[in-house]
N, C-alpha and C. Protein backbone atom coordinates (compact mmCIF):
# COMPACT_ATOMS: atom_id res chain seq x y z
N MET A 1 9.08 16.96 42.71
CA MET A 1 9.60 17.02 41.35
C MET A 1 9.18 15.80 40.53
N ALA A 2 9.14 14.64 41.21
CA ALA A 2 8.76 13.43 40.49
C ALA A 2 7.32 13.54 39.99
N SER A 3 6.43 14.09 40.83
CA SER A 3 5.03 14.24 40.43
C SER A 3 4.91 15.19 39.26
N LYS A 4 5.71 16.28 39.30
CA LYS A 4 5.67 17.25 38.21
C LYS A 4 6.12 16.60 36.92
N GLY A 5 7.15 15.75 37.01
CA GLY A 5 7.62 15.06 35.82
C GLY A 5 6.57 14.14 35.24
N LYS A 6 5.83 13.46 36.11
CA LYS A 6 4.77 12.57 35.64
C LYS A 6 3.67 13.36 34.95
N LEU A 7 3.36 14.54 35.50
CA LEU A 7 2.32 15.36 34.89
C LEU A 7 2.74 15.84 33.51
N LEU A 8 4.01 16.21 33.37
CA LEU A 8 4.50 16.64 32.07
C LEU A 8 4.43 15.49 31.07
N TRP A 9 4.78 14.29 31.57
CA TRP A 9 4.69 13.13 30.68
C TRP A 9 3.25 12.86 30.29
N LEU A 10 2.30 13.06 31.23
CA LEU A 10 0.89 12.87 30.94
C LEU A 10 0.44 13.81 29.84
N CYS A 11 0.90 15.06 29.91
CA CYS A 11 0.54 16.03 28.87
C CYS A 11 1.00 15.54 27.50
N SER A 12 2.23 15.05 27.45
CA SER A 12 2.78 14.57 26.19
C SER A 12 1.98 13.40 25.66
N LEU A 13 1.62 12.48 26.57
CA LEU A 13 0.85 11.32 26.15
C LEU A 13 -0.54 11.72 25.69
N ALA A 14 -1.16 12.67 26.39
CA ALA A 14 -2.49 13.12 26.02
C ALA A 14 -2.48 13.77 24.64
N VAL A 15 -1.45 14.56 24.36
CA VAL A 15 -1.34 15.17 23.04
C VAL A 15 -1.20 14.10 21.98
N TRP A 16 -0.40 13.06 22.29
CA TRP A 16 -0.26 11.96 21.34
C TRP A 16 -1.60 11.30 21.08
N SER A 17 -2.39 11.10 22.14
CA SER A 17 -3.65 10.38 22.01
C SER A 17 -4.66 11.14 21.17
N SER A 18 -4.50 12.46 21.07
CA SER A 18 -5.47 13.26 20.32
C SER A 18 -5.20 13.24 18.83
N SER A 19 -4.06 12.70 18.42
CA SER A 19 -3.72 12.66 17.01
C SER A 19 -4.57 11.64 16.28
N THR A 20 -5.03 11.99 15.10
CA THR A 20 -5.82 11.06 14.30
C THR A 20 -4.94 10.25 13.36
N VAL A 21 -3.65 10.53 13.33
CA VAL A 21 -2.72 9.82 12.46
C VAL A 21 -2.01 8.77 13.28
N GLN A 22 -2.04 7.53 12.85
CA GLN A 22 -1.39 6.43 13.54
C GLN A 22 0.02 6.28 13.00
N ASP A 23 1.02 6.61 13.78
CA ASP A 23 2.41 6.53 13.38
C ASP A 23 3.02 5.29 14.00
N GLU A 24 3.43 4.32 13.16
CA GLU A 24 3.96 3.07 13.67
C GLU A 24 5.25 3.28 14.45
N THR A 25 5.94 4.38 14.19
CA THR A 25 7.19 4.63 14.92
C THR A 25 6.93 4.96 16.38
N LEU A 26 5.67 5.28 16.75
CA LEU A 26 5.34 5.59 18.13
C LEU A 26 5.21 4.33 18.98
N ALA A 27 4.96 3.18 18.32
CA ALA A 27 4.66 1.96 19.06
C ALA A 27 5.70 1.59 20.10
N PRO A 28 7.01 1.54 19.76
CA PRO A 28 7.99 1.18 20.79
C PRO A 28 8.00 2.16 21.96
N HIS A 29 7.88 3.46 21.66
CA HIS A 29 7.87 4.47 22.72
C HIS A 29 6.65 4.30 23.61
N CYS A 30 5.49 4.03 22.98
CA CYS A 30 4.25 3.86 23.77
C CYS A 30 4.37 2.65 24.69
N SER A 31 4.94 1.57 24.18
CA SER A 31 5.07 0.37 24.99
C SER A 31 5.97 0.60 26.19
N SER A 32 7.03 1.37 25.99
CA SER A 32 7.98 1.58 27.07
C SER A 32 7.46 2.55 28.12
N GLN A 33 6.50 3.40 27.74
CA GLN A 33 5.99 4.41 28.66
C GLN A 33 4.63 4.09 29.26
N ALA A 34 3.96 3.08 28.69
CA ALA A 34 2.56 2.83 29.08
C ALA A 34 2.41 2.53 30.56
N HIS A 35 3.41 1.90 31.19
CA HIS A 35 3.28 1.52 32.59
C HIS A 35 3.21 2.74 33.51
N ASN A 36 3.63 3.91 33.02
CA ASN A 36 3.59 5.13 33.83
C ASN A 36 2.23 5.84 33.76
N LEU A 37 1.38 5.41 32.83
CA LEU A 37 0.15 6.16 32.58
C LEU A 37 -0.76 6.20 33.79
N SER A 38 -1.00 5.04 34.40
CA SER A 38 -1.91 5.00 35.55
C SER A 38 -1.43 5.90 36.68
N ALA A 39 -0.12 5.86 36.98
CA ALA A 39 0.43 6.69 38.05
C ALA A 39 0.28 8.17 37.72
N ALA A 40 0.53 8.52 36.45
CA ALA A 40 0.44 9.91 36.05
C ALA A 40 -1.00 10.43 36.15
N LEU A 41 -1.95 9.61 35.75
CA LEU A 41 -3.35 10.01 35.86
C LEU A 41 -3.77 10.18 37.32
N THR A 42 -3.27 9.29 38.17
CA THR A 42 -3.58 9.39 39.59
C THR A 42 -3.07 10.70 40.18
N VAL A 43 -1.84 11.08 39.80
CA VAL A 43 -1.25 12.33 40.29
C VAL A 43 -2.09 13.52 39.81
N ALA A 44 -2.47 13.50 38.54
CA ALA A 44 -3.26 14.61 38.00
C ALA A 44 -4.61 14.73 38.71
N ALA A 45 -5.24 13.58 39.00
CA ALA A 45 -6.53 13.60 39.68
C ALA A 45 -6.39 14.15 41.11
N GLU A 46 -5.29 13.78 41.77
CA GLU A 46 -5.08 14.25 43.14
C GLU A 46 -4.81 15.75 43.19
N CYS A 47 -4.17 16.27 42.15
CA CYS A 47 -3.88 17.71 42.13
C CYS A 47 -5.15 18.53 41.95
N GLY A 48 -6.13 17.95 41.23
CA GLY A 48 -7.42 18.61 41.07
C GLY A 48 -7.31 20.02 40.51
N GLU A 49 -7.89 20.99 41.22
CA GLU A 49 -7.93 22.37 40.74
C GLU A 49 -6.62 23.11 40.94
N HIS A 50 -5.64 22.46 41.53
CA HIS A 50 -4.37 23.11 41.81
C HIS A 50 -3.36 22.96 40.67
N LEU A 51 -3.78 22.37 39.57
CA LEU A 51 -2.88 22.21 38.43
C LEU A 51 -2.55 23.60 37.87
N PRO A 52 -1.27 23.90 37.64
CA PRO A 52 -0.85 25.25 37.23
C PRO A 52 -0.97 25.49 35.74
N TRP A 53 -2.19 25.37 35.19
CA TRP A 53 -2.38 25.56 33.76
C TRP A 53 -3.38 26.67 33.50
N SER A 54 -3.23 27.31 32.35
CA SER A 54 -4.17 28.35 31.93
C SER A 54 -5.46 27.70 31.46
N ALA A 55 -6.47 28.53 31.22
CA ALA A 55 -7.75 28.02 30.73
C ALA A 55 -7.58 27.31 29.40
N GLU A 56 -6.73 27.88 28.53
CA GLU A 56 -6.49 27.27 27.22
C GLU A 56 -5.79 25.92 27.37
N GLN A 57 -4.79 25.86 28.24
CA GLN A 57 -4.08 24.61 28.46
C GLN A 57 -4.99 23.55 29.06
N THR A 58 -5.84 23.98 30.00
CA THR A 58 -6.77 23.04 30.62
C THR A 58 -7.74 22.47 29.60
N ALA A 59 -8.29 23.34 28.74
CA ALA A 59 -9.22 22.89 27.71
C ALA A 59 -8.55 21.94 26.73
N ALA A 60 -7.30 22.24 26.37
CA ALA A 60 -6.56 21.38 25.44
C ALA A 60 -6.32 20.01 26.06
N LEU A 61 -6.00 20.00 27.35
CA LEU A 61 -5.75 18.73 28.01
C LEU A 61 -7.05 17.93 28.16
N LEU A 62 -8.15 18.61 28.47
CA LEU A 62 -9.44 17.93 28.55
C LEU A 62 -9.81 17.30 27.22
N LEU A 63 -9.54 18.01 26.14
CA LEU A 63 -9.81 17.47 24.81
C LEU A 63 -8.96 16.23 24.55
N SER A 64 -7.69 16.30 24.93
CA SER A 64 -6.80 15.17 24.72
C SER A 64 -7.21 13.97 25.57
N ILE A 65 -7.61 14.26 26.81
CA ILE A 65 -8.04 13.17 27.69
C ILE A 65 -9.33 12.54 27.18
N ARG A 66 -10.20 13.35 26.58
CA ARG A 66 -11.42 12.80 26.01
C ARG A 66 -11.08 11.82 24.89
N ASN A 67 -10.11 12.20 24.05
CA ASN A 67 -9.68 11.30 22.98
C ASN A 67 -9.01 10.05 23.53
N LEU A 68 -8.22 10.26 24.58
CA LEU A 68 -7.58 9.12 25.23
C LEU A 68 -8.63 8.19 25.83
N ASN A 69 -9.66 8.75 26.43
CA ASN A 69 -10.74 7.96 27.00
C ASN A 69 -11.43 7.11 25.94
N ASN A 70 -11.66 7.70 24.76
CA ASN A 70 -12.27 6.95 23.67
C ASN A 70 -11.40 5.78 23.25
N ASN A 71 -10.08 6.03 23.17
CA ASN A 71 -9.15 4.97 22.78
C ASN A 71 -9.13 3.84 23.80
N LEU A 72 -9.09 4.22 25.08
CA LEU A 72 -9.05 3.21 26.14
C LEU A 72 -10.35 2.41 26.21
N HIS A 73 -11.48 3.09 25.97
CA HIS A 73 -12.76 2.38 25.97
C HIS A 73 -12.79 1.32 24.87
N LYS A 74 -12.35 1.68 23.69
CA LYS A 74 -12.31 0.72 22.59
C LYS A 74 -11.36 -0.43 22.92
N HIS A 75 -10.25 -0.10 23.57
CA HIS A 75 -9.25 -1.12 23.91
C HIS A 75 -9.82 -2.15 24.88
N GLN A 76 -10.55 -1.70 25.91
CA GLN A 76 -11.08 -2.65 26.89
C GLN A 76 -12.19 -3.51 26.32
N LEU A 77 -12.84 -3.04 25.24
CA LEU A 77 -13.86 -3.86 24.59
C LEU A 77 -13.26 -5.06 23.88
N ASN A 78 -11.96 -5.01 23.58
CA ASN A 78 -11.30 -6.11 22.88
C ASN A 78 -11.18 -7.36 23.72
N ASP A 79 -11.42 -7.25 25.02
CA ASP A 79 -11.20 -8.38 25.92
C ASP A 79 -12.08 -9.58 25.59
N CYS A 80 -13.22 -9.34 24.95
CA CYS A 80 -14.13 -10.45 24.62
C CYS A 80 -13.99 -10.93 23.18
N GLN A 81 -13.10 -10.33 22.42
CA GLN A 81 -12.94 -10.70 21.02
C GLN A 81 -12.27 -12.06 20.88
N GLY A 82 -12.66 -12.79 19.83
CA GLY A 82 -12.01 -14.06 19.51
C GLY A 82 -12.47 -15.24 20.34
N ALA A 83 -13.52 -15.06 21.14
CA ALA A 83 -14.00 -16.16 21.99
C ALA A 83 -14.73 -17.20 21.17
N GLU A 84 -14.66 -18.44 21.61
CA GLU A 84 -15.42 -19.53 21.00
C GLU A 84 -16.86 -19.52 21.52
N PRO A 85 -17.80 -19.92 20.66
CA PRO A 85 -17.66 -20.20 19.23
C PRO A 85 -17.52 -18.91 18.41
N THR A 86 -16.58 -18.91 17.49
CA THR A 86 -16.25 -17.69 16.76
C THR A 86 -17.37 -17.24 15.83
N ARG A 87 -18.32 -18.12 15.53
CA ARG A 87 -19.43 -17.74 14.66
C ARG A 87 -20.44 -16.86 15.40
N CYS A 88 -20.33 -16.81 16.71
CA CYS A 88 -21.24 -15.93 17.47
C CYS A 88 -20.78 -14.48 17.34
N PRO A 89 -21.68 -13.57 17.03
CA PRO A 89 -21.30 -12.15 16.98
C PRO A 89 -21.05 -11.62 18.39
N GLU A 90 -20.25 -10.58 18.47
CA GLU A 90 -20.03 -9.97 19.78
C GLU A 90 -21.31 -9.32 20.27
N ALA A 91 -21.63 -9.58 21.53
CA ALA A 91 -22.83 -8.97 22.12
C ALA A 91 -22.58 -7.50 22.39
N GLU A 92 -23.61 -6.70 22.23
CA GLU A 92 -23.52 -5.26 22.48
C GLU A 92 -23.46 -4.99 23.98
N VAL A 93 -22.51 -4.19 24.38
CA VAL A 93 -22.34 -3.88 25.80
C VAL A 93 -23.29 -2.75 26.19
N PRO A 94 -24.12 -2.95 27.21
CA PRO A 94 -25.06 -1.88 27.58
C PRO A 94 -24.35 -0.68 28.21
N ALA A 95 -24.77 0.50 27.81
CA ALA A 95 -24.27 1.71 28.48
C ALA A 95 -24.72 1.68 29.93
N ASN A 96 -23.92 2.27 30.82
CA ASN A 96 -24.20 2.31 32.26
C ASN A 96 -24.28 0.89 32.86
N GLY A 97 -23.47 0.01 32.31
CA GLY A 97 -23.43 -1.36 32.80
C GLY A 97 -22.30 -2.12 32.15
N GLY A 98 -22.43 -3.42 32.07
CA GLY A 98 -21.38 -4.23 31.46
C GLY A 98 -21.88 -5.62 31.12
N LEU A 99 -20.96 -6.43 30.58
CA LEU A 99 -21.25 -7.82 30.23
C LEU A 99 -20.16 -8.71 30.81
N ALA A 100 -20.57 -9.76 31.52
CA ALA A 100 -19.66 -10.80 31.97
C ALA A 100 -19.94 -12.02 31.10
N CYS A 101 -18.90 -12.57 30.48
CA CYS A 101 -19.10 -13.65 29.51
C CYS A 101 -18.14 -14.81 29.73
N VAL A 102 -18.60 -16.02 29.46
CA VAL A 102 -17.77 -17.22 29.47
C VAL A 102 -18.27 -18.16 28.38
N THR A 103 -17.39 -19.08 27.99
CA THR A 103 -17.76 -20.14 27.06
C THR A 103 -17.67 -21.47 27.79
N VAL A 104 -18.74 -22.27 27.69
CA VAL A 104 -18.77 -23.61 28.30
C VAL A 104 -19.30 -24.58 27.25
N SER A 105 -18.51 -25.61 26.97
CA SER A 105 -18.91 -26.65 26.01
C SER A 105 -19.31 -26.04 24.67
N ASN A 106 -18.49 -25.12 24.19
CA ASN A 106 -18.67 -24.45 22.91
C ASN A 106 -19.99 -23.67 22.81
N LYS A 107 -20.46 -23.21 23.95
CA LYS A 107 -21.63 -22.32 23.99
C LYS A 107 -21.21 -21.05 24.71
N ARG A 108 -21.56 -19.92 24.14
CA ARG A 108 -21.19 -18.62 24.70
C ARG A 108 -22.33 -18.09 25.55
N TYR A 109 -21.99 -17.70 26.78
CA TYR A 109 -22.97 -17.15 27.70
C TYR A 109 -22.52 -15.75 28.14
N CYS A 110 -23.40 -14.78 28.05
CA CYS A 110 -23.10 -13.42 28.50
C CYS A 110 -24.19 -12.95 29.45
N LYS A 111 -23.75 -12.36 30.54
CA LYS A 111 -24.66 -11.87 31.57
C LYS A 111 -24.61 -10.36 31.62
N PRO A 112 -25.70 -9.68 31.26
CA PRO A 112 -25.74 -8.22 31.38
C PRO A 112 -25.82 -7.80 32.85
N LEU A 113 -25.12 -6.74 33.20
CA LEU A 113 -25.18 -6.16 34.54
C LEU A 113 -25.36 -4.65 34.41
N CYS A 114 -26.13 -4.07 35.33
CA CYS A 114 -26.34 -2.62 35.34
C CYS A 114 -25.61 -2.00 36.53
N ASN A 115 -25.10 -0.80 36.33
CA ASN A 115 -24.49 -0.06 37.42
C ASN A 115 -25.57 0.38 38.41
N TYR A 116 -25.13 0.75 39.61
CA TYR A 116 -26.05 1.25 40.62
C TYR A 116 -26.79 2.48 40.09
N GLY A 117 -28.09 2.54 40.34
CA GLY A 117 -28.89 3.66 39.86
C GLY A 117 -29.50 3.42 38.49
N TYR A 118 -29.35 2.20 37.97
CA TYR A 118 -29.89 1.86 36.65
C TYR A 118 -30.58 0.50 36.74
N ASP A 119 -31.60 0.32 35.88
CA ASP A 119 -32.33 -0.94 35.88
C ASP A 119 -32.62 -1.36 34.44
N PHE A 120 -32.93 -2.63 34.26
CA PHE A 120 -33.15 -3.19 32.94
C PHE A 120 -34.48 -2.74 32.35
N GLY A 121 -34.49 -2.64 31.02
CA GLY A 121 -35.72 -2.25 30.34
C GLY A 121 -36.76 -3.34 30.32
N PHE A 122 -36.30 -4.62 30.36
CA PHE A 122 -37.21 -5.76 30.42
C PHE A 122 -37.02 -6.49 31.74
N LEU A 123 -38.03 -7.23 32.15
CA LEU A 123 -37.94 -8.06 33.35
C LEU A 123 -36.95 -9.20 33.11
N ARG A 124 -35.94 -9.33 34.00
CA ARG A 124 -34.92 -10.35 33.83
C ARG A 124 -34.64 -11.10 35.15
N VAL A 125 -35.60 -11.16 36.04
CA VAL A 125 -35.37 -11.78 37.35
C VAL A 125 -34.91 -13.22 37.21
N SER A 126 -35.54 -13.98 36.32
CA SER A 126 -35.17 -15.38 36.12
C SER A 126 -34.27 -15.57 34.91
N ARG A 127 -34.01 -14.50 34.20
CA ARG A 127 -33.15 -14.58 33.01
C ARG A 127 -31.78 -14.02 33.40
N LEU A 128 -30.89 -14.90 33.84
CA LEU A 128 -29.62 -14.45 34.37
C LEU A 128 -28.59 -14.17 33.29
N TYR A 129 -28.74 -14.77 32.13
CA TYR A 129 -27.75 -14.64 31.06
C TYR A 129 -28.42 -14.94 29.72
N ASP A 130 -27.71 -14.69 28.65
CA ASP A 130 -28.17 -15.01 27.29
C ASP A 130 -27.16 -15.94 26.64
N GLU A 131 -27.62 -16.72 25.68
CA GLU A 131 -26.80 -17.76 25.06
C GLU A 131 -26.65 -17.55 23.56
N CYS A 132 -25.47 -17.90 23.05
CA CYS A 132 -25.25 -17.98 21.61
C CYS A 132 -24.49 -19.28 21.35
N SER A 133 -25.06 -20.13 20.50
CA SER A 133 -24.45 -21.43 20.25
C SER A 133 -25.02 -22.00 18.95
N GLU A 134 -24.58 -23.20 18.62
CA GLU A 134 -25.13 -23.86 17.43
C GLU A 134 -26.62 -24.07 17.60
N GLN A 135 -27.05 -24.35 18.81
CA GLN A 135 -28.48 -24.58 19.08
C GLN A 135 -29.32 -23.33 18.86
N THR A 136 -28.73 -22.16 18.99
CA THR A 136 -29.47 -20.92 18.76
C THR A 136 -29.22 -20.36 17.36
N GLY A 137 -28.56 -21.16 16.52
CA GLY A 137 -28.24 -20.69 15.17
C GLY A 137 -27.13 -19.67 15.17
N PHE A 138 -26.29 -19.73 16.20
CA PHE A 138 -25.19 -18.78 16.38
C PHE A 138 -25.71 -17.33 16.40
N LYS A 139 -26.85 -17.18 17.03
CA LYS A 139 -27.43 -15.87 17.28
C LYS A 139 -27.75 -15.78 18.76
N TRP A 140 -27.78 -14.58 19.29
CA TRP A 140 -28.09 -14.40 20.70
C TRP A 140 -29.58 -14.57 20.94
N ASP A 141 -29.94 -15.38 21.94
CA ASP A 141 -31.35 -15.58 22.28
C ASP A 141 -31.82 -14.44 23.16
N SER A 142 -31.73 -13.26 22.62
CA SER A 142 -31.99 -12.03 23.38
C SER A 142 -33.47 -11.68 23.40
N GLN A 143 -33.86 -10.90 24.40
CA GLN A 143 -35.21 -10.35 24.43
C GLN A 143 -35.40 -9.30 23.35
N TYR A 144 -34.28 -8.75 22.87
CA TYR A 144 -34.31 -7.82 21.75
C TYR A 144 -34.09 -8.63 20.48
N VAL A 145 -35.15 -9.06 19.86
CA VAL A 145 -35.11 -10.03 18.77
C VAL A 145 -34.37 -9.46 17.56
N GLY A 146 -33.50 -10.30 16.99
CA GLY A 146 -32.88 -9.97 15.72
C GLY A 146 -31.61 -9.16 15.78
N GLY A 147 -31.02 -9.03 16.95
CA GLY A 147 -29.80 -8.24 17.05
C GLY A 147 -28.86 -8.78 18.11
N ASN A 148 -27.84 -7.99 18.41
CA ASN A 148 -26.84 -8.39 19.39
C ASN A 148 -27.01 -7.66 20.72
N LYS A 149 -28.10 -6.90 20.85
CA LYS A 149 -28.37 -6.19 22.09
C LYS A 149 -29.01 -7.16 23.08
N LEU A 150 -28.39 -7.30 24.25
CA LEU A 150 -28.92 -8.22 25.25
C LEU A 150 -29.74 -7.51 26.32
N ALA A 151 -29.39 -6.26 26.61
CA ALA A 151 -30.09 -5.54 27.67
C ALA A 151 -29.84 -4.05 27.52
N VAL A 152 -30.72 -3.27 28.15
CA VAL A 152 -30.58 -1.82 28.23
C VAL A 152 -30.68 -1.43 29.69
N CYS A 153 -29.75 -0.61 30.15
CA CYS A 153 -29.77 -0.15 31.54
C CYS A 153 -30.28 1.29 31.57
N ASN A 154 -31.50 1.45 32.08
CA ASN A 154 -32.13 2.77 32.16
C ASN A 154 -31.98 3.33 33.57
N GLU A 155 -31.87 4.65 33.65
CA GLU A 155 -31.77 5.29 34.96
C GLU A 155 -33.02 4.98 35.77
N ALA A 156 -32.81 4.58 37.03
CA ALA A 156 -33.94 4.19 37.87
C ALA A 156 -33.60 4.40 39.33
N SER A 157 -34.59 4.76 40.13
CA SER A 157 -34.37 4.98 41.55
C SER A 157 -34.31 3.66 42.32
N ILE A 158 -34.96 2.63 41.80
CA ILE A 158 -34.91 1.30 42.41
C ILE A 158 -34.58 0.28 41.33
N GLN A 159 -34.00 -0.85 41.75
CA GLN A 159 -33.60 -1.90 40.82
C GLN A 159 -34.39 -3.17 41.13
N VAL A 160 -35.36 -3.47 40.29
CA VAL A 160 -36.27 -4.59 40.56
C VAL A 160 -36.43 -5.54 39.37
N SER A 161 -35.94 -5.17 38.21
CA SER A 161 -36.21 -5.97 37.01
C SER A 161 -35.29 -7.18 36.87
N GLY A 162 -34.14 -7.16 37.55
CA GLY A 162 -33.20 -8.26 37.43
C GLY A 162 -32.95 -8.95 38.75
N ALA A 163 -32.18 -10.06 38.68
CA ALA A 163 -31.78 -10.75 39.91
C ALA A 163 -30.81 -9.87 40.69
N LYS A 164 -30.65 -10.15 41.97
CA LYS A 164 -29.78 -9.33 42.82
C LYS A 164 -28.34 -9.31 42.30
N THR A 165 -27.92 -10.40 41.68
CA THR A 165 -26.54 -10.49 41.18
C THR A 165 -26.34 -9.79 39.85
N ALA A 166 -27.40 -9.20 39.31
CA ALA A 166 -27.31 -8.56 38.00
C ALA A 166 -26.99 -7.07 38.08
N TYR A 167 -26.61 -6.63 39.29
CA TYR A 167 -26.29 -5.21 39.48
C TYR A 167 -24.93 -5.06 40.16
N PHE A 168 -24.17 -4.09 39.70
CA PHE A 168 -22.95 -3.74 40.41
C PHE A 168 -23.33 -2.96 41.67
N PRO A 169 -22.66 -3.22 42.79
CA PRO A 169 -23.00 -2.52 44.03
C PRO A 169 -22.73 -1.02 43.92
N LYS A 170 -23.29 -0.27 44.84
CA LYS A 170 -23.03 1.17 44.91
C LYS A 170 -21.54 1.40 45.14
N ASP A 171 -20.98 2.40 44.47
CA ASP A 171 -19.55 2.72 44.56
C ASP A 171 -18.67 1.61 44.00
N GLN A 172 -19.25 0.71 43.19
CA GLN A 172 -18.46 -0.34 42.55
C GLN A 172 -19.05 -0.62 41.18
N ASP A 173 -18.92 0.34 40.27
CA ASP A 173 -19.49 0.16 38.95
C ASP A 173 -18.65 -0.82 38.15
N CYS A 174 -18.95 -0.95 36.87
CA CYS A 174 -18.28 -1.95 36.04
C CYS A 174 -16.77 -1.72 35.97
N LEU A 175 -16.35 -0.48 35.72
CA LEU A 175 -14.92 -0.21 35.60
C LEU A 175 -14.19 -0.43 36.92
N THR A 176 -14.82 -0.06 38.04
CA THR A 176 -14.22 -0.31 39.34
C THR A 176 -14.02 -1.81 39.55
N THR A 177 -15.03 -2.59 39.16
CA THR A 177 -14.94 -4.05 39.27
C THR A 177 -13.83 -4.60 38.38
N LYS A 178 -13.76 -4.10 37.16
CA LYS A 178 -12.77 -4.61 36.21
C LYS A 178 -11.35 -4.24 36.61
N SER A 179 -11.20 -3.14 37.34
CA SER A 179 -9.87 -2.69 37.74
C SER A 179 -9.31 -3.49 38.91
N SER A 180 -10.13 -4.34 39.52
CA SER A 180 -9.70 -5.15 40.66
C SER A 180 -9.74 -6.63 40.28
N HIS A 181 -8.60 -7.31 40.38
CA HIS A 181 -8.55 -8.73 40.03
C HIS A 181 -9.51 -9.53 40.91
N GLN A 182 -9.59 -9.18 42.18
CA GLN A 182 -10.46 -9.89 43.11
C GLN A 182 -11.93 -9.70 42.74
N LEU A 183 -12.33 -8.46 42.45
CA LEU A 183 -13.72 -8.19 42.09
C LEU A 183 -14.08 -8.82 40.75
N TRP A 184 -13.11 -8.79 39.82
CA TRP A 184 -13.32 -9.41 38.50
C TRP A 184 -13.57 -10.90 38.67
N ASN A 185 -12.73 -11.56 39.45
CA ASN A 185 -12.88 -13.00 39.69
C ASN A 185 -14.22 -13.32 40.32
N SER A 186 -14.63 -12.48 41.28
CA SER A 186 -15.89 -12.71 41.96
C SER A 186 -17.07 -12.63 40.99
N THR A 187 -17.02 -11.66 40.08
CA THR A 187 -18.10 -11.49 39.10
C THR A 187 -18.19 -12.70 38.17
N ILE A 188 -17.04 -13.18 37.70
CA ILE A 188 -17.03 -14.34 36.82
C ILE A 188 -17.44 -15.60 37.59
N ASP A 189 -16.99 -15.73 38.83
CA ASP A 189 -17.35 -16.89 39.64
C ASP A 189 -18.86 -16.97 39.86
N ILE A 190 -19.49 -15.82 40.09
CA ILE A 190 -20.94 -15.79 40.28
C ILE A 190 -21.64 -16.29 39.01
N LEU A 191 -21.16 -15.84 37.84
CA LEU A 191 -21.76 -16.27 36.58
C LEU A 191 -21.60 -17.78 36.39
N THR A 192 -20.41 -18.31 36.62
CA THR A 192 -20.20 -19.75 36.43
C THR A 192 -21.03 -20.57 37.42
N THR A 193 -21.20 -20.06 38.63
CA THR A 193 -22.05 -20.74 39.61
C THR A 193 -23.50 -20.75 39.15
N GLU A 194 -23.97 -19.63 38.61
CA GLU A 194 -25.33 -19.55 38.11
C GLU A 194 -25.54 -20.50 36.94
N LEU A 195 -24.53 -20.66 36.10
CA LEU A 195 -24.62 -21.60 34.98
C LEU A 195 -24.73 -23.03 35.49
N LYS A 196 -23.91 -23.37 36.48
CA LYS A 196 -23.96 -24.72 37.05
C LYS A 196 -25.32 -25.00 37.68
N ASN A 197 -25.87 -23.98 38.34
CA ASN A 197 -27.18 -24.15 38.97
C ASN A 197 -28.29 -24.37 37.94
N LYS A 198 -28.03 -23.94 36.72
CA LYS A 198 -28.99 -24.13 35.63
C LYS A 198 -28.67 -25.38 34.80
N GLY A 199 -27.71 -26.19 35.28
CA GLY A 199 -27.39 -27.43 34.60
C GLY A 199 -26.33 -27.31 33.51
N VAL A 200 -25.64 -26.18 33.45
CA VAL A 200 -24.57 -25.98 32.46
C VAL A 200 -23.25 -26.36 33.12
N HIS A 201 -22.69 -27.50 32.75
CA HIS A 201 -21.48 -28.00 33.38
C HIS A 201 -20.34 -28.08 32.37
N GLY A 202 -19.16 -27.81 32.83
CA GLY A 202 -17.99 -27.84 31.97
C GLY A 202 -16.98 -26.79 32.42
N GLU A 203 -15.80 -26.85 31.83
CA GLU A 203 -14.75 -25.91 32.19
C GLU A 203 -14.99 -24.56 31.51
N PRO A 204 -15.17 -23.49 32.28
CA PRO A 204 -15.37 -22.17 31.66
C PRO A 204 -14.11 -21.71 30.94
N GLN A 205 -14.29 -21.14 29.77
CA GLN A 205 -13.18 -20.62 28.97
C GLN A 205 -13.54 -19.23 28.45
N HIS A 206 -12.50 -18.52 28.01
CA HIS A 206 -12.68 -17.19 27.38
C HIS A 206 -13.52 -16.26 28.27
N ALA A 207 -13.23 -16.28 29.56
CA ALA A 207 -13.95 -15.38 30.48
C ALA A 207 -13.53 -13.93 30.25
N CYS A 208 -14.48 -13.03 30.32
CA CYS A 208 -14.17 -11.62 30.13
C CYS A 208 -15.25 -10.76 30.79
N LEU A 209 -14.88 -9.54 31.07
CA LEU A 209 -15.82 -8.52 31.56
C LEU A 209 -15.54 -7.25 30.78
N VAL A 210 -16.56 -6.74 30.10
CA VAL A 210 -16.42 -5.51 29.32
C VAL A 210 -17.45 -4.50 29.82
N CYS A 211 -17.09 -3.24 29.77
CA CYS A 211 -17.92 -2.18 30.35
C CYS A 211 -18.45 -1.25 29.27
N GLY A 212 -19.69 -0.82 29.43
CA GLY A 212 -20.28 0.14 28.53
C GLY A 212 -19.96 1.56 28.96
N ARG A 213 -20.28 2.50 28.14
CA ARG A 213 -20.04 3.90 28.47
C ARG A 213 -21.02 4.37 29.54
N PRO A 214 -20.58 5.28 30.38
CA PRO A 214 -21.49 5.83 31.40
C PRO A 214 -22.51 6.77 30.76
């Protein structure tokens, strides 16, 4: 019965997420119920094809979940907002990958990573990260000149264009990594170690990991 109740709550939340009208009166209710979302989604995923819904109900829920997915994707992108130096524009997150970023001595460093089965469009074996700082004119020193795009992850059978640490392992894509505090810490620690090895010393601040769309 408890699982059924969670599924019913999931339906209600999904319907709410599909609304294009932002009602401020929903905020307190959303805050009080948000902690149940992960459990409800887990229950729905475990039920799989055994969910007792009609084709119309299933399609409606898929539509709502798609809208919810869009909202959650935008929400997780906020993790890198407001980092110093604030004059640096936000770097574009590559699809099928992610960005790990830290600030050291008022310089912003972001490291593009590709999911398993994808590789970089440009050779990046010795280019572990990109920089934005006063020295770069508060622009990203990207291989894609004149913009905020740092890397592109293209589908590939082998991964050879980047360093070994520039790829998420198989069965551990960006979202899987971000969902684990231990894996998140490991990813940021690798970046800070690589910075130190390149002579960048200082206390890392504003660390974040953001994921692109699959």
